[in-house]
Amino acid sequence: MTLFQKRLKETLEKRHMRQVDLAEKTGLTRGIISSYLYGRYKAKGENVALMAKALGVDPSWLAGVEDVPMGTTQEERDVLSLWRTLSDRDKGTVQCLLSHLAGSRDE
């Protein structure tokens, strides 16, 4: 099972949607969605985008391009990209700063 198939299946389950529900929201046929789920066809970019929009997830995530959680916003993905460029020392500094900022909200 490809990452795309796994994510499509998981997202349908989490959203309590059936293939027919996704078909209605996207204009794709239930048959094509079934073909994607069972690996008979590979989804093209425009269909991935349609399904991602209907499911409320990022198209890159659904396609298996990005390894980020399903509900991640673009802003969070941007921060993650920056995080990955930091040294271990700088990551420690950022973690301390975030902990401090999160703790100061309660005051």
Protein backbone atom coordinates (compact mmCIF):
# COMPACT_ATOMS: atom_id res chain seq x y z
CA MET A 1 0.00 0.00 0.00
CA THR A 2 1.40 3.38 -0.98
CA LEU A 3 1.56 6.30 1.42
CA PHE A 4 -1.11 8.05 -0.65
CA GLN A 5 -3.47 5.07 -0.36
CA LYS A 6 -2.85 4.82 3.38
CA ARG A 7 -3.46 8.52 3.95
CA LEU A 8 -6.58 8.58 1.78
CA LYS A 9 -8.04 5.62 3.66
CA GLU A 10 -7.12 7.02 7.09
CA THR A 11 -8.54 10.43 6.27
CA LEU A 12 -11.82 9.00 5.01
CA GLU A 13 -12.11 7.03 8.25
CA LYS A 14 -11.25 10.02 10.46
CA ARG A 15 -13.76 12.20 8.62
CA HIS A 16 -16.39 9.44 8.81
CA MET A 17 -16.76 9.63 5.04
CA ARG A 18 -17.50 6.92 2.55
CA GLN A 19 -16.14 6.75 -0.97
CA VAL A 20 -19.51 7.90 -2.28
CA ASP A 21 -19.37 10.97 0.01
CA LEU A 22 -15.96 11.91 -1.36
CA ALA A 23 -17.21 11.33 -4.90
CA GLU A 24 -20.11 13.72 -4.33
CA LYS A 25 -17.83 16.41 -2.88
CA THR A 26 -15.23 16.15 -5.65
CA GLY A 27 -17.21 15.29 -8.75
CA LEU A 28 -15.03 12.20 -9.20
CA THR A 29 -16.71 8.85 -9.62
CA ARG A 30 -16.88 6.35 -6.79
CA GLY A 31 -15.13 3.93 -9.12
CA ILE A 32 -12.09 6.16 -9.60
CA ILE A 33 -11.84 6.78 -5.86
CA SER A 34 -12.02 3.04 -5.28
CA SER A 35 -9.29 2.56 -7.89
CA TYR A 36 -7.08 5.03 -6.00
CA LEU A 37 -7.75 3.30 -2.68
CA TYR A 38 -6.88 -0.12 -4.04
CA GLY A 39 -3.93 0.97 -6.16
CA ARG A 40 -5.40 0.22 -9.57
CA TYR A 41 -4.71 3.78 -10.71
CA LYS A 42 -2.37 6.50 -9.52
CA ALA A 43 -4.13 9.79 -8.74
CA LYS A 44 -3.14 12.78 -10.85
CA GLY A 45 -2.31 16.10 -9.22
CA GLU A 46 -5.61 17.78 -10.00
CA ASN A 47 -7.59 14.88 -8.53
CA VAL A 48 -5.37 14.78 -5.45
CA ALA A 49 -6.06 18.50 -5.02
CA LEU A 50 -9.83 17.95 -5.34
CA MET A 51 -9.81 15.16 -2.78
CA ALA A 52 -7.54 17.08 -0.40
CA LYS A 53 -9.84 20.09 -0.49
CA ALA A 54 -12.91 17.95 0.13
CA LEU A 55 -11.15 16.18 3.00
CA GLY A 56 -9.69 19.36 4.51
CA VAL A 57 -6.06 18.28 4.24
CA ASP A 58 -2.98 19.57 2.46
CA PRO A 59 -2.59 18.12 -1.06
CA SER A 60 1.14 17.50 -0.55
CA TRP A 61 0.41 15.60 2.64
CA LEU A 62 -2.29 13.50 0.99
CA ALA A 63 -0.06 12.71 -1.98
CA GLY A 64 2.64 11.48 0.40
CA VAL A 65 5.11 14.21 -0.53
CA GLU A 66 5.32 15.81 2.90
CA ASP A 67 5.83 13.94 6.14
CA VAL A 68 3.75 16.21 8.35
CA PRO A 69 0.55 15.55 10.31
CA MET A 70 -2.74 15.63 8.45
CA GLY A 71 -4.13 18.87 9.87
CA THR A 72 -0.95 20.90 9.63
CA THR A 73 -1.34 24.46 8.37
CA GLN A 74 0.95 26.09 5.84
CA GLU A 75 2.38 28.28 8.62
CA GLU A 76 3.22 25.18 10.68
CA ARG A 77 4.85 23.52 7.67
CA ASP A 78 6.93 26.66 7.10
CA VAL A 79 8.11 26.57 10.72
CA LEU A 80 8.95 22.87 10.40
CA SER A 81 11.01 23.59 7.27
CA LEU A 82 12.95 26.24 9.16
CA TRP A 83 13.34 23.93 12.18
CA ARG A 84 15.00 21.31 10.00
CA THR A 85 17.72 23.79 9.02
CA LEU A 86 18.75 24.52 12.63
CA SER A 87 21.71 23.04 14.45
CA ASP A 88 21.04 20.92 17.54
CA ARG A 89 22.19 23.81 19.72
CA ASP A 90 19.81 26.24 18.01
CA LYS A 91 16.95 23.75 18.30
CA GLY A 92 17.56 23.66 22.06
CA THR A 93 17.43 27.45 22.20
CA VAL A 94 14.18 27.54 20.24
CA GLN A 95 12.64 24.88 22.49
CA CYS A 96 13.54 26.90 25.58
CA LEU A 97 12.07 30.04 24.06
CA LEU A 98 8.86 28.27 23.08
CA SER A 99 8.52 26.73 26.53
CA HIS A 100 9.00 30.15 28.09
CA LEU A 101 6.46 31.78 25.77
CA ALA A 102 3.90 29.02 26.32
CA GLY A 103 4.36 29.27 30.09
CA SER A 104 3.99 33.07 30.11
CA ARG A 105 0.47 32.81 28.63
CA ASP A 106 -0.81 31.53 31.97
CA GLU A 107 0.46 34.57 33.88
